[in-house]
Amino acid sequence: MAMALSDMEADIHWTNEASRIHGNALKVAHTPRQAEQLLALGLKIERNLLFSKPIENPAVVAAEHNDAPMLLYWLAKQKEVFADDGEYIQALYYAAMEMVSMMNQY
Protein backbone atom coordinates (compact mmCIF):
# COMPACT_ATOMS: atom_id res chain seq x y z
CA MET A 1 0.00 0.00 0.00
CA ALA A 2 2.83 2.41 0.85
CA MET A 3 4.43 1.74 -2.53
CA ALA A 4 1.15 2.44 -4.34
CA LEU A 5 0.61 5.64 -2.34
CA SER A 6 4.16 6.71 -3.06
CA ASP A 7 3.56 6.17 -6.77
CA MET A 8 0.57 8.55 -6.45
CA GLU A 9 2.88 11.09 -4.77
CA ALA A 10 1.13 10.79 -1.40
CA ASP A 11 3.06 11.67 1.76
CA ILE A 12 3.96 8.20 3.06
CA HIS A 13 6.02 9.75 5.87
CA TRP A 14 2.93 11.00 7.69
CA THR A 15 2.09 9.22 10.93
CA ASN A 16 -0.93 9.36 13.19
CA GLU A 17 -0.99 8.53 16.89
CA ALA A 18 -4.41 6.93 16.47
CA SER A 19 -3.08 4.63 13.76
CA ARG A 20 -3.39 0.93 14.45
CA ILE A 21 0.20 0.42 13.27
CA HIS A 22 1.55 3.03 15.73
CA GLY A 23 3.99 4.73 13.42
CA ASN A 24 5.06 4.49 9.82
CA ALA A 25 4.78 1.66 7.31
CA LEU A 26 8.05 0.02 8.40
CA LYS A 27 6.12 -1.64 11.21
CA VAL A 28 4.02 -3.66 8.78
CA ALA A 29 6.73 -4.72 6.34
CA HIS A 30 6.48 -8.52 6.19
CA THR A 31 9.75 -9.24 4.39
CA PRO A 32 13.21 -7.73 4.33
CA ARG A 33 12.60 -6.86 0.66
CA GLN A 34 9.51 -4.82 1.56
CA ALA A 35 11.42 -3.10 4.36
CA GLU A 36 14.29 -2.22 2.02
CA GLN A 37 11.84 -0.78 -0.53
CA LEU A 38 10.27 1.41 2.16
CA LEU A 39 13.65 2.52 3.47
CA ALA A 40 14.63 3.42 -0.10
CA LEU A 41 11.55 5.68 -0.20
CA GLY A 42 12.99 7.55 2.77
CA LEU A 43 10.99 6.16 5.68
CA LYS A 44 12.90 6.51 8.93
CA ILE A 45 13.34 3.91 11.63
CA GLU A 46 11.73 5.26 14.76
CA ARG A 47 13.88 4.68 17.82
CA ASN A 48 11.10 4.63 20.43
CA LEU A 49 11.72 1.65 22.72
CA LEU A 50 9.40 2.68 25.56
CA PHE A 51 6.60 0.24 26.33
CA SER A 52 4.63 3.05 27.99
CA LYS A 53 4.15 4.71 24.59
CA PRO A 54 2.83 3.11 21.43
CA ILE A 55 5.54 0.75 20.26
CA GLU A 56 6.96 2.22 17.09
CA ASN A 57 10.32 0.54 16.62
CA PRO A 58 10.03 -2.12 13.91
CA ALA A 59 12.28 -4.61 15.73
CA VAL A 60 10.13 -4.47 18.85
CA VAL A 61 6.98 -4.78 16.74
CA ALA A 62 8.46 -7.85 15.00
CA ALA A 63 9.26 -9.32 18.44
CA GLU A 64 5.70 -8.59 19.57
CA HIS A 65 4.37 -10.51 16.57
CA ASN A 66 6.81 -13.41 17.06
CA ASP A 67 8.14 -12.71 13.57
CA ALA A 68 11.66 -14.11 13.97
CA PRO A 69 12.87 -13.43 10.40
CA MET A 70 11.85 -9.77 10.57
CA LEU A 71 13.16 -9.39 14.12
CA LEU A 72 16.56 -10.64 13.01
CA TYR A 73 16.43 -8.41 9.94
CA TRP A 74 15.58 -5.29 11.98
CA LEU A 75 18.21 -5.99 14.62
CA ALA A 76 20.88 -6.37 11.94
CA LYS A 77 19.62 -3.37 9.98
CA GLN A 78 19.56 -1.10 13.00
CA LYS A 79 22.99 -2.28 14.08
CA GLU A 80 24.18 -1.19 10.63
CA VAL A 81 22.26 2.11 10.50
CA PHE A 82 22.97 3.17 14.08
CA ALA A 83 26.50 1.71 14.33
CA ASP A 84 27.77 4.89 15.96
CA ASP A 85 25.32 4.61 18.88
CA GLY A 86 26.27 1.50 20.83
CA GLU A 87 24.12 2.52 23.79
CA TYR A 88 21.01 2.60 21.61
CA ILE A 89 21.86 -0.77 20.01
CA GLN A 90 22.24 -2.34 23.44
CA ALA A 91 18.91 -0.85 24.56
CA LEU A 92 17.30 -2.14 21.35
CA TYR A 93 18.52 -5.69 22.00
CA TYR A 94 17.21 -5.56 25.58
CA ALA A 95 13.82 -4.21 24.45
CA ALA A 96 13.52 -6.94 21.80
CA MET A 97 14.50 -9.66 24.28
CA GLU A 98 12.03 -8.29 26.84
CA MET A 99 9.22 -8.32 24.28
CA VAL A 100 10.08 -11.85 23.10
CA SER A 101 10.13 -12.99 26.73
CA MET A 102 6.75 -11.38 27.46
CA MET A 103 5.15 -12.81 24.34
CA ASN A 104 6.48 -16.33 24.91
CA GLN A 105 6.29 -16.69 28.68
CA TYR A 106 3.38 -19.13 28.50
PDB file of N, CA and C in Angstrom:
ATOM      1  N   MET A   1       0.825  -1.180   0.000  1.00  0.00           N
ATOM      2  CA  MET A   1       0.000   0.000   0.000  1.00  0.00           C
ATOM      3  C   MET A   1       0.873   1.249   0.000  1.00  0.00           C
ATOM      4  N   ALA A   2       1.941   1.249   0.806  1.00  0.00           N
ATOM      5  CA  ALA A   2       2.830   2.415   0.845  1.00  0.00           C
ATOM      6  C   ALA A   2       3.474   2.657  -0.511  1.00  0.00           C
ATOM      7  N   MET A   3       3.831   1.587  -1.203  1.00  0.00           N
ATOM      8  CA  MET A   3       4.434   1.737  -2.532  1.00  0.00           C
ATOM      9  C   MET A   3       3.424   2.358  -3.496  1.00  0.00           C
ATOM     10  N   ALA A   4       2.185   1.897  -3.451  1.00  0.00           N
ATOM     11  CA  ALA A   4       1.154   2.443  -4.338  1.00  0.00           C
ATOM     12  C   ALA A   4       0.895   3.909  -4.014  1.00  0.00           C
ATOM     13  N   LEU A   5       0.818   4.243  -2.728  1.00  0.00           N
ATOM     14  CA  LEU A   5       0.609   5.635  -2.339  1.00  0.00           C
ATOM     15  C   LEU A   5       1.782   6.507  -2.766  1.00  0.00           C
ATOM     16  N   SER A   6       2.975   5.970  -2.629  1.00  0.00           N
ATOM     17  CA  SER A   6       4.163   6.712  -3.061  1.00  0.00           C
ATOM     18  C   SER A   6       4.119   6.986  -4.561  1.00  0.00           C
ATOM     19  N   ASP A   7       3.690   5.990  -5.323  1.00  0.00           N
ATOM     20  CA  ASP A   7       3.562   6.172  -6.774  1.00  0.00           C
ATOM     21  C   ASP A   7       2.561   7.272  -7.116  1.00  0.00           C
ATOM     22  N   MET A   8       1.574   7.495  -6.233  1.00  0.00           N
ATOM     23  CA  MET A   8       0.575   8.547  -6.450  1.00  0.00           C
ATOM     24  C   MET A   8       1.015   9.879  -5.836  1.00  0.00           C
ATOM     25  N   GLU A   9       2.274   9.910  -5.380  1.00  0.00           N
ATOM     26  CA  GLU A   9       2.884  11.095  -4.773  1.00  0.00           C
ATOM     27  C   GLU A   9       2.227  11.502  -3.453  1.00  0.00           C
ATOM     28  N   ALA A  10       1.678  10.537  -2.734  1.00  0.00           N
ATOM     29  CA  ALA A  10       1.129  10.786  -1.400  1.00  0.00           C
ATOM     30  C   ALA A  10       2.280  10.879  -0.406  1.00  0.00           C
ATOM     31  N   ASP A  11       2.049  11.537   0.712  1.00  0.00           N
ATOM     32  CA  ASP A  11       3.059  11.669   1.757  1.00  0.00           C
ATOM     33  C   ASP A  11       3.056  10.408   2.620  1.00  0.00           C
ATOM     34  N   ILE A  12       3.924   9.471   2.309  1.00  0.00           N
ATOM     35  CA  ILE A  12       3.962   8.204   3.061  1.00  0.00           C
ATOM     36  C   ILE A  12       4.742   8.339   4.366  1.00  0.00           C
ATOM     37  N   HIS A  13       5.276   9.518   4.635  1.00  0.00           N
ATOM     38  CA  HIS A  13       6.021   9.749   5.873  1.00  0.00           C
ATOM     39  C   HIS A  13       5.116  10.195   7.010  1.00  0.00           C
ATOM     40  N   TRP A  14       3.885  10.515   6.693  1.00  0.00           N
ATOM     41  CA  TRP A  14       2.931  10.998   7.687  1.00  0.00           C
ATOM     42  C   TRP A  14       2.593   9.871   8.648  1.00  0.00           C
ATOM     43  N   THR A  15       2.508  10.193   9.921  1.00  0.00           N
ATOM     44  CA  THR A  15       2.089   9.217  10.926  1.00  0.00           C
ATOM     45  C   THR A  15       0.946   9.815  11.731  1.00  0.00           C
ATOM     46  N   ASN A  16       0.209   8.949  12.405  1.00  0.00           N
ATOM     47  CA  ASN A  16      -0.934   9.365  13.190  1.00  0.00           C
ATOM     48  C   ASN A  16      -0.929   8.554  14.471  1.00  0.00           C
ATOM     49  N   GLU A  17      -1.019   9.238  15.609  1.00  0.00           N
ATOM     50  CA  GLU A  17      -0.986   8.527  16.886  1.00  0.00           C
ATOM     51  C   GLU A  17      -2.139   7.546  17.036  1.00  0.00           C
ATOM     52  N   ALA A  18      -3.253   7.818  16.377  1.00  0.00           N
ATOM     53  CA  ALA A  18      -4.415   6.930  16.470  1.00  0.00           C
ATOM     54  C   ALA A  18      -4.299   5.727  15.532  1.00  0.00           C
ATOM     55  N   SER A  19      -3.266   5.711  14.725  1.00  0.00           N
ATOM     56  CA  SER A  19      -3.083   4.633  13.762  1.00  0.00           C
ATOM     57  C   SER A  19      -2.939   3.291  14.463  1.00  0.00           C
ATOM     58  N   ARG A  20      -3.499   2.278  13.875  1.00  0.00           N
ATOM     59  CA  ARG A  20      -3.386   0.930  14.448  1.00  0.00           C
ATOM     60  C   ARG A  20      -1.978   0.377  14.316  1.00  0.00           C
ATOM     61  N   ILE A  21      -1.161   0.935  13.402  1.00  0.00           N
ATOM     62  CA  ILE A  21       0.202   0.421  13.270  1.00  0.00           C
ATOM     63  C   ILE A  21       1.186   1.209  14.125  1.00  0.00           C
ATOM     64  N   HIS A  22       0.717   2.256  14.796  1.00  0.00           N
ATOM     65  CA  HIS A  22       1.554   3.026  15.726  1.00  0.00           C
ATOM     66  C   HIS A  22       2.859   3.484  15.100  1.00  0.00           C
ATOM     67  N   GLY A  23       2.789   4.202  14.037  1.00  0.00           N
ATOM     68  CA  GLY A  23       3.989   4.733  13.424  1.00  0.00           C
ATOM     69  C   GLY A  23       3.909   4.635  11.917  1.00  0.00           C
ATOM     70  N   ASN A  24       5.063   4.523  11.289  1.00  0.00           N
ATOM     71  CA  ASN A  24       5.061   4.489   9.822  1.00  0.00           C
ATOM     72  C   ASN A  24       4.988   3.062   9.287  1.00  0.00           C
ATOM     73  N   ALA A  25       5.014   2.945   7.982  1.00  0.00           N
ATOM     74  CA  ALA A  25       4.782   1.659   7.306  1.00  0.00           C
ATOM     75  C   ALA A  25       5.871   0.619   7.564  1.00  0.00           C
ATOM     76  N   LEU A  26       7.003   1.015   8.123  1.00  0.00           N
ATOM     77  CA  LEU A  26       8.054   0.019   8.396  1.00  0.00           C
ATOM     78  C   LEU A  26       7.564  -1.050   9.375  1.00  0.00           C
ATOM     79  N   LYS A  27       6.617  -0.698  10.210  1.00  0.00           N
ATOM     80  CA  LYS A  27       6.123  -1.643  11.207  1.00  0.00           C
ATOM     81  C   LYS A  27       5.338  -2.787  10.604  1.00  0.00           C
ATOM     82  N   VAL A  28       4.835  -2.608   9.386  1.00  0.00           N
ATOM     83  CA  VAL A  28       4.019  -3.660   8.776  1.00  0.00           C
ATOM     84  C   VAL A  28       4.708  -4.313   7.579  1.00  0.00           C
ATOM     85  N   ALA A  29       5.985  -4.027   7.391  1.00  0.00           N
ATOM     86  CA  ALA A  29       6.734  -4.725   6.342  1.00  0.00           C
ATOM     87  C   ALA A  29       6.855  -6.190   6.756  1.00  0.00           C
ATOM     88  N   HIS A  30       6.488  -7.090   5.852  1.00  0.00           N
ATOM     89  CA  HIS A  30       6.484  -8.518   6.187  1.00  0.00           C
ATOM     90  C   HIS A  30       7.731  -9.256   5.725  1.00  0.00           C
ATOM     91  N   THR A  31       8.524  -8.611   4.881  1.00  0.00           N
ATOM     92  CA  THR A  31       9.748  -9.245   4.391  1.00  0.00           C
ATOM     93  C   THR A  31      10.865  -8.207   4.371  1.00  0.00           C
ATOM     94  N   PRO A  32      12.099  -8.671   4.456  1.00  0.00           N
ATOM     95  CA  PRO A  32      13.214  -7.731   4.325  1.00  0.00           C
ATOM     96  C   PRO A  32      13.156  -6.936   3.016  1.00  0.00           C
ATOM     97  N   ARG A  33      12.692  -7.558   1.943  1.00  0.00           N
ATOM     98  CA  ARG A  33      12.598  -6.856   0.657  1.00  0.00           C
ATOM     99  C   ARG A  33      11.629  -5.680   0.754  1.00  0.00           C
ATOM    100  N   GLN A  34      10.467  -5.910   1.383  1.00  0.00           N
ATOM    101  CA  GLN A  34       9.509  -4.825   1.564  1.00  0.00           C
ATOM    102  C   GLN A  34      10.115  -3.711   2.419  1.00  0.00           C
ATOM    103  N   ALA A  35      10.802  -4.090   3.476  1.00  0.00           N
ATOM    104  CA  ALA A  35      11.421  -3.102   4.357  1.00  0.00           C
ATOM    105  C   ALA A  35      12.459  -2.276   3.602  1.00  0.00           C
ATOM    106  N   GLU A  36      13.279  -2.937   2.796  1.00  0.00           N
ATOM    107  CA  GLU A  36      14.294  -2.223   2.018  1.00  0.00           C
ATOM    108  C   GLU A  36      13.654  -1.258   1.021  1.00  0.00           C
ATOM    109  N   GLN A  37      12.546  -1.666   0.407  1.00  0.00           N
ATOM    110  CA  GLN A  37      11.844  -0.778  -0.525  1.00  0.00           C
ATOM    111  C   GLN A  37      11.330   0.463   0.201  1.00  0.00           C
ATOM    112  N   LEU A  38      10.784   0.283   1.393  1.00  0.00           N
ATOM    113  CA  LEU A  38      10.271   1.411   2.164  1.00  0.00           C
ATOM    114  C   LEU A  38      11.401   2.318   2.645  1.00  0.00           C
ATOM    115  N   LEU A  39      12.497   1.715   3.061  1.00  0.00           N
ATOM    116  CA  LEU A  39      13.648   2.519   3.469  1.00  0.00           C
ATOM    117  C   LEU A  39      14.190   3.326   2.289  1.00  0.00           C
ATOM    118  N   ALA A  40      14.171   2.721   1.099  1.00  0.00           N
ATOM    119  CA  ALA A  40      14.629   3.423  -0.099  1.00  0.00           C
ATOM    120  C   ALA A  40      13.735   4.614  -0.429  1.00  0.00           C
ATOM    121  N   LEU A  41      12.469   4.558   0.006  1.00  0.00           N
ATOM    122  CA  LEU A  41      11.553   5.681  -0.197  1.00  0.00           C
ATOM    123  C   LEU A  41      11.783   6.796   0.828  1.00  0.00           C
ATOM    124  N   GLY A  42      12.657   6.529   1.786  1.00  0.00           N
ATOM    125  CA  GLY A  42      12.994   7.555   2.765  1.00  0.00           C
ATOM    126  C   GLY A  42      12.326   7.423   4.114  1.00  0.00           C
ATOM    127  N   LEU A  43      11.592   6.332   4.357  1.00  0.00           N
ATOM    128  CA  LEU A  43      10.994   6.156   5.678  1.00  0.00           C
ATOM    129  C   LEU A  43      12.102   5.972   6.707  1.00  0.00           C
ATOM    130  N   LYS A  44      11.907   6.547   7.858  1.00  0.00           N
ATOM    131  CA  LYS A  44      12.904   6.511   8.928  1.00  0.00           C
ATOM    132  C   LYS A  44      12.532   5.479   9.984  1.00  0.00           C
ATOM    133  N   ILE A  45      13.543   4.847  10.534  1.00  0.00           N
ATOM    134  CA  ILE A  45      13.345   3.907  11.631  1.00  0.00           C
ATOM    135  C   ILE A  45      13.149   4.718  12.904  1.00  0.00           C
ATOM    136  N   GLU A  46      12.005   4.556  13.520  1.00  0.00           N
ATOM    137  CA  GLU A  46      11.731   5.264  14.762  1.00  0.00           C
ATOM    138  C   GLU A  46      12.407   4.529  15.907  1.00  0.00           C
ATOM    139  N   ARG A  47      13.072   5.281  16.764  1.00  0.00           N
ATOM    140  CA  ARG A  47      13.883   4.680  17.819  1.00  0.00           C
ATOM    141  C   ARG A  47      13.155   4.560  19.152  1.00  0.00           C
ATOM    142  N   ASN A  48      11.855   4.722  19.188  1.00  0.00           N
ATOM    143  CA  ASN A  48      11.105   4.628  20.427  1.00  0.00           C
ATOM    144  C   ASN A  48      11.107   3.188  20.944  1.00  0.00           C
ATOM    145  N   LEU A  49      11.678   2.985  22.116  1.00  0.00           N
ATOM    146  CA  LEU A  49      11.716   1.651  22.723  1.00  0.00           C
ATOM    147  C   LEU A  49      10.863   1.570  23.983  1.00  0.00           C
ATOM    148  N   LEU A  50      10.160   2.643  24.324  1.00  0.00           N
ATOM    149  CA  LEU A  50       9.395   2.677  25.557  1.00  0.00           C
ATOM    150  C   LEU A  50       8.096   1.901  25.416  1.00  0.00           C
ATOM    151  N   PHE A  51       7.842   1.009  26.350  1.00  0.00           N
ATOM    152  CA  PHE A  51       6.604   0.238  26.326  1.00  0.00           C
ATOM    153  C   PHE A  51       5.427   1.073  26.810  1.00  0.00           C
ATOM    154  N   SER A  52       5.695   2.188  27.483  1.00  0.00           N
ATOM    155  CA  SER A  52       4.629   3.052  27.991  1.00  0.00           C
ATOM    156  C   SER A  52       4.017   3.905  26.883  1.00  0.00           C
ATOM    157  N   LYS A  53       4.669   3.992  25.755  1.00  0.00           N
ATOM    158  CA  LYS A  53       4.152   4.706  24.594  1.00  0.00           C
ATOM    159  C   LYS A  53       3.832   3.672  23.526  1.00  0.00           C
ATOM    160  N   PRO A  54       3.065   4.079  22.509  1.00  0.00           N
ATOM    161  CA  PRO A  54       2.831   3.109  21.428  1.00  0.00           C
ATOM    162  C   PRO A  54       4.173   2.618  20.879  1.00  0.00           C
ATOM    163  N   ILE A  55       4.279   1.325  20.730  1.00  0.00           N
ATOM    164  CA  ILE A  55       5.540   0.749  20.260  1.00  0.00           C
ATOM    165  C   ILE A  55       5.695   1.074  18.788  1.00  0.00           C
ATOM    166  N   GLU A  56       6.756   1.775  18.454  1.00  0.00           N
ATOM    167  CA  GLU A  56       6.958   2.217  17.088  1.00  0.00           C
ATOM    168  C   GLU A  56       8.185   1.613  16.440  1.00  0.00           C
ATOM    169  N   ASN A  57       9.102   1.084  17.210  1.00  0.00           N
ATOM    170  CA  ASN A  57      10.316   0.543  16.618  1.00  0.00           C
ATOM    171  C   ASN A  57      10.007  -0.775  15.912  1.00  0.00           C
ATOM    172  N   PRO A  58      10.414  -0.920  14.656  1.00  0.00           N
ATOM    173  CA  PRO A  58      10.030  -2.122  13.907  1.00  0.00           C
ATOM    174  C   PRO A  58      10.597  -3.422  14.484  1.00  0.00           C
ATOM    175  N   ALA A  59      11.740  -3.382  15.132  1.00  0.00           N
ATOM    176  CA  ALA A  59      12.281  -4.613  15.731  1.00  0.00           C
ATOM    177  C   ALA A  59      11.410  -5.066  16.895  1.00  0.00           C
ATOM    178  N   VAL A  60      10.977  -4.125  17.706  1.00  0.00           N
ATOM    179  CA  VAL A  60      10.128  -4.469  18.855  1.00  0.00           C
ATOM    180  C   VAL A  60       8.766  -4.951  18.370  1.00  0.00           C
ATOM    181  N   VAL A  61       8.256  -4.336  17.308  1.00  0.00           N
ATOM    182  CA  VAL A  61       6.983  -4.783  16.736  1.00  0.00           C
ATOM    183  C   VAL A  61       7.118  -6.208  16.192  1.00  0.00           C
ATOM    184  N   ALA A  62       8.227  -6.492  15.515  1.00  0.00           N
ATOM    185  CA  ALA A  62       8.460  -7.855  15.004  1.00  0.00           C
ATOM    186  C   ALA A  62       8.539  -8.849  16.165  1.00  0.00           C
ATOM    187  N   ALA A  63       9.186  -8.450  17.256  1.00  0.00           N
ATOM    188  CA  ALA A  63       9.257  -9.322  18.436  1.00  0.00           C
ATOM    189  C   ALA A  63       7.872  -9.546  19.014  1.00  0.00           C
ATOM    190  N   GLU A  64       7.063  -8.478  19.040  1.00  0.00           N
ATOM    191  CA  GLU A  64       5.702  -8.587  19.574  1.00  0.00           C
ATOM    192  C   GLU A  64       4.857  -9.542  18.743  1.00  0.00           C
ATOM    193  N   HIS A  65       5.130  -9.619  17.455  1.00  0.00           N
ATOM    194  CA  HIS A  65       4.372 -10.510  16.568  1.00  0.00           C
ATOM    195  C   HIS A  65       5.031 -11.879  16.400  1.00  0.00           C
ATOM    196  N   ASN A  66       6.070 -12.150  17.165  1.00  0.00           N
ATOM    197  CA  ASN A  66       6.810 -13.413  17.063  1.00  0.00           C
ATOM    198  C   ASN A  66       7.274 -13.676  15.632  1.00  0.00           C
ATOM    199  N   ASP A  67       7.677 -12.625  14.952  1.00  0.00           N
ATOM    200  CA  ASP A  67       8.144 -12.713  13.569  1.00  0.00           C
ATOM    201  C   ASP A  67       9.678 -12.757  13.582  1.00  0.00           C
ATOM    202  N   ALA A  68      10.214 -13.951  13.808  1.00  0.00           N
ATOM    203  CA  ALA A  68      11.660 -14.113  13.969  1.00  0.00           C
ATOM    204  C   ALA A  68      12.465 -13.612  12.768  1.00  0.00           C
ATOM    205  N   PRO A  69      12.072 -13.928  11.525  1.00  0.00           N
ATOM    206  CA  PRO A  69      12.871 -13.429  10.398  1.00  0.00           C
ATOM    207  C   PRO A  69      12.950 -11.899  10.357  1.00  0.00           C
ATOM    208  N   MET A  70      11.824 -11.230  10.606  1.00  0.00           N
ATOM    209  CA  MET A  70      11.845  -9.765  10.571  1.00  0.00           C
ATOM    210  C   MET A  70      12.551  -9.193  11.797  1.00  0.00           C
ATOM    211  N   LEU A  71      12.423  -9.849  12.935  1.00  0.00           N
ATOM    212  CA  LEU A  71      13.157  -9.390  14.115  1.00  0.00           C
ATOM    213  C   LEU A  71      14.656  -9.432  13.851  1.00  0.00           C
ATOM    214  N   LEU A  72      15.126 -10.535  13.317  1.00  0.00           N
ATOM    215  CA  LEU A  72      16.556 -10.642  13.012  1.00  0.00           C
ATOM    216  C   LEU A  72      16.983  -9.627  11.959  1.00  0.00           C
ATOM    217  N   TYR A  73      16.133  -9.418  10.958  1.00  0.00           N
ATOM    218  CA  TYR A  73      16.433  -8.407   9.937  1.00  0.00           C
ATOM    219  C   TYR A  73      16.565  -7.031  10.576  1.00  0.00           C
ATOM    220  N   TRP A  74      15.567  -6.622  11.392  1.00  0.00           N
ATOM    221  CA  TRP A  74      15.576  -5.290  11.975  1.00  0.00           C
ATOM    222  C   TRP A  74      16.715  -5.093  12.962  1.00  0.00           C
ATOM    223  N   LEU A  75      17.066  -6.122  13.709  1.00  0.00           N
ATOM    224  CA  LEU A  75      18.208  -5.990  14.618  1.00  0.00           C
ATOM    225  C   LEU A  75      19.490  -5.759  13.826  1.00  0.00           C
ATOM    226  N   ALA A  76      19.684  -6.537  12.771  1.00  0.00           N
ATOM    227  CA  ALA A  76      20.882  -6.375  11.941  1.00  0.00           C
ATOM    228  C   ALA A  76      20.879  -5.029  11.224  1.00  0.00           C
ATOM    229  N   LYS A  77      19.721  -4.625  10.708  1.00  0.00           N
ATOM    230  CA  LYS A  77      19.620  -3.365   9.977  1.00  0.00           C
ATOM    231  C   LYS A  77      19.907  -2.181  10.886  1.00  0.00           C
ATOM    232  N   GLN A  78      19.337  -2.204  12.079  1.00  0.00           N
ATOM    233  CA  GLN A  78      19.560  -1.096  12.996  1.00  0.00           C
ATOM    234  C   GLN A  78      20.987  -1.077  13.522  1.00  0.00           C
ATOM    235  N   LYS A  79      21.578  -2.248  13.676  1.00  0.00           N
ATOM    236  CA  LYS A  79      22.987  -2.283  14.083  1.00  0.00           C
ATOM    237  C   LYS A  79      23.840  -1.621  13.004  1.00  0.00           C
ATOM    238  N   GLU A  80      23.472  -1.812  11.755  1.00  0.00           N
ATOM    239  CA  GLU A  80      24.181  -1.188  10.633  1.00  0.00           C
ATOM    240  C   GLU A  80      23.911   0.321  10.570  1.00  0.00           C
ATOM    241  N   VAL A  81      22.642   0.704  10.645  1.00  0.00           N
ATOM    242  CA  VAL A  81      22.255   2.109  10.501  1.00  0.00           C
ATOM    243  C   VAL A  81      22.726   2.962  11.673  1.00  0.00           C
ATOM    244  N   PHE A  82      22.629   2.415  12.878  1.00  0.00           N
ATOM    245  CA  PHE A  82      22.972   3.168  14.083  1.00  0.00           C
ATOM    246  C   PHE A  82      24.280   2.674  14.701  1.00  0.00           C
ATOM    247  N   ALA A  83      25.229   2.284  13.869  1.00  0.00           N
ATOM    248  CA  ALA A  83      26.497   1.713  14.331  1.00  0.00           C
ATOM    249  C   ALA A  83      27.253   2.645  15.272  1.00  0.00           C
ATOM    250  N   ASP A  84      27.049   3.938  15.131  1.00  0.00           N
ATOM    251  CA  ASP A  84      27.773   4.892  15.962  1.00  0.00           C
ATOM    252  C   ASP A  84      27.127   5.116  17.328  1.00  0.00           C
ATOM    253  N   ASP A  85      26.031   4.432  17.615  1.00  0.00           N
ATOM    254  CA  ASP A  85      25.322   4.611  18.880  1.00  0.00           C
ATOM    255  C   ASP A  85      25.164   3.268  19.584  1.00  0.00           C
ATOM    256  N   GLY A  86      26.263   2.797  20.158  1.00  0.00           N
ATOM    257  CA  GLY A  86      26.274   1.503  20.833  1.00  0.00           C
ATOM    258  C   GLY A  86      25.292   1.409  21.982  1.00  0.00           C
ATOM    259  N   GLU A  87      25.063   2.514  22.670  1.00  0.00           N
ATOM    260  CA  GLU A  87      24.122   2.519  23.791  1.00  0.00           C
ATOM    261  C   GLU A  87      22.703   2.244  23.302  1.00  0.00           C
ATOM    262  N   TYR A  88      22.334   2.847  22.186  1.00  0.00           N
ATOM    263  CA  TYR A  88      21.014   2.599  21.610  1.00  0.00           C
ATOM    264  C   TYR A  88      20.887   1.138  21.164  1.00  0.00           C
ATOM    265  N   ILE A  89      21.898   0.621  20.492  1.00  0.00           N
ATOM    266  CA  ILE A  89      21.855  -0.769  20.009  1.00  0.00           C
ATOM    267  C   ILE A  89      21.677  -1.729  21.180  1.00  0.00           C
ATOM    268  N   GLN A  90      22.388  -1.488  22.266  1.00  0.00           N
ATOM    269  CA  GLN A  90      22.243  -2.341  23.441  1.00  0.00           C
ATOM    270  C   GLN A  90      20.812  -2.244  23.988  1.00  0.00           C
ATOM    271  N   ALA A  91      20.277  -1.030  24.076  1.00  0.00           N
ATOM    272  CA  ALA A  91      18.907  -0.848  24.561  1.00  0.00           C
ATOM    273  C   ALA A  91      17.906  -1.533  23.629  1.00  0.00           C
ATOM    274  N   LEU A  92      18.163  -1.473  22.324  1.00  0.00           N
ATOM    275  CA  LEU A  92      17.304  -2.138  21.345  1.00  0.00           C
ATOM    276  C   LEU A  92      17.284  -3.646  21.576  1.00  0.00           C
ATOM    277  N   TYR A  93      18.455  -4.243  21.761  1.00  0.00           N
ATOM    278  CA  TYR A  93      18.525  -5.690  21.998  1.00  0.00           C
ATOM    279  C   TYR A  93      17.763  -6.066  23.267  1.00  0.00           C
ATOM    280  N   TYR A  94      17.926  -5.275  24.335  1.00  0.00           N
ATOM    281  CA  TYR A  94      17.214  -5.560  25.579  1.00  0.00           C
ATOM    282  C   TYR A  94      15.703  -5.443  25.390  1.00  0.00           C
ATOM    283  N   ALA A  95      15.263  -4.397  24.679  1.00  0.00           N
ATOM    284  CA  ALA A  95      13.824  -4.211  24.447  1.00  0.00           C
ATOM    285  C   ALA A  95      13.255  -5.371  23.638  1.00  0.00           C
ATOM    286  N   ALA A  96      13.987  -5.809  22.614  1.00  0.00           N
ATOM    287  CA  ALA A  96      13.520  -6.936  21.798  1.00  0.00           C
ATOM    288  C   ALA A  96      13.462  -8.218  22.629  1.00  0.00           C
ATOM    289  N   MET A  97      14.496  -8.459  23.435  1.00  0.00           N
ATOM    290  CA  MET A  97      14.498  -9.659  24.285  1.00  0.00           C
ATOM    291  C   MET A  97      13.365  -9.616  25.303  1.00  0.00           C
ATOM    292  N   GLU A  98      13.118  -8.426  25.866  1.00  0.00           N
ATOM    293  CA  GLU A  98      12.034  -8.290  26.841  1.00  0.00           C
ATOM    294  C   GLU A  98      10.691  -8.589  26.188  1.00  0.00           C
ATOM    295  N   MET A  99      10.490  -8.068  24.980  1.00  0.00           N
ATOM    296  CA  MET A  99       9.222  -8.319  24.285  1.00  0.00           C
ATOM    297  C   MET A  99       9.078  -9.793  23.940  1.00  0.00           C
ATOM    298  N   VAL A 100      10.127 -10.414  23.436  1.00  0.00           N
ATOM    299  CA  VAL A 100      10.075 -11.851  23.100  1.00  0.00           C
ATOM    300  C   VAL A 100       9.762 -12.645  24.364  1.00  0.00           C
ATOM    301  N   SER A 101      10.386 -12.289  25.473  1.00  0.00           N
ATOM    302  CA  SER A 101      10.130 -12.990  26.732  1.00  0.00           C
ATOM    303  C   SER A 101       8.686 -12.837  27.162  1.00  0.00           C
ATOM    304  N   MET A 102       8.148 -11.613  27.074  1.00  0.00           N
ATOM    305  CA  MET A 102       6.754 -11.384  27.462  1.00  0.00           C
ATOM    306  C   MET A 102       5.789 -12.163  26.568  1.00  0.00           C
ATOM    307  N   MET A 103       6.063 -12.169  25.278  1.00  0.00           N
ATOM    308  CA  MET A 103       5.152 -12.813  24.336  1.00  0.00           C
ATOM    309  C   MET A 103       5.212 -14.334  24.414  1.00  0.00           C
ATOM    310  N   ASN A 104       6.304 -14.868  24.901  1.00  0.00           N
ATOM    311  CA  ASN A 104       6.481 -16.332  24.911  1.00  0.00           C
ATOM    312  C   ASN A 104       6.564 -16.919  26.302  1.00  0.00           C
ATOM    313  N   GLN A 105       6.153 -16.192  27.320  1.00  0.00           N
ATOM    314  CA  GLN A 105       6.289 -16.694  28.678  1.00  0.00           C
ATOM    315  C   GLN A 105       5.369 -17.860  28.990  1.00  0.00           C
ATOM    316  N   TYR A 106       4.299 -18.025  28.242  1.00  0.00           N
ATOM    317  CA  TYR A 106       3.381 -19.128  28.495  1.00  0.00           C
ATOM    318  C   TYR A 106       3.813 -20.371  27.763  1.00  0.00           C
TER     319      TYR A 106
END
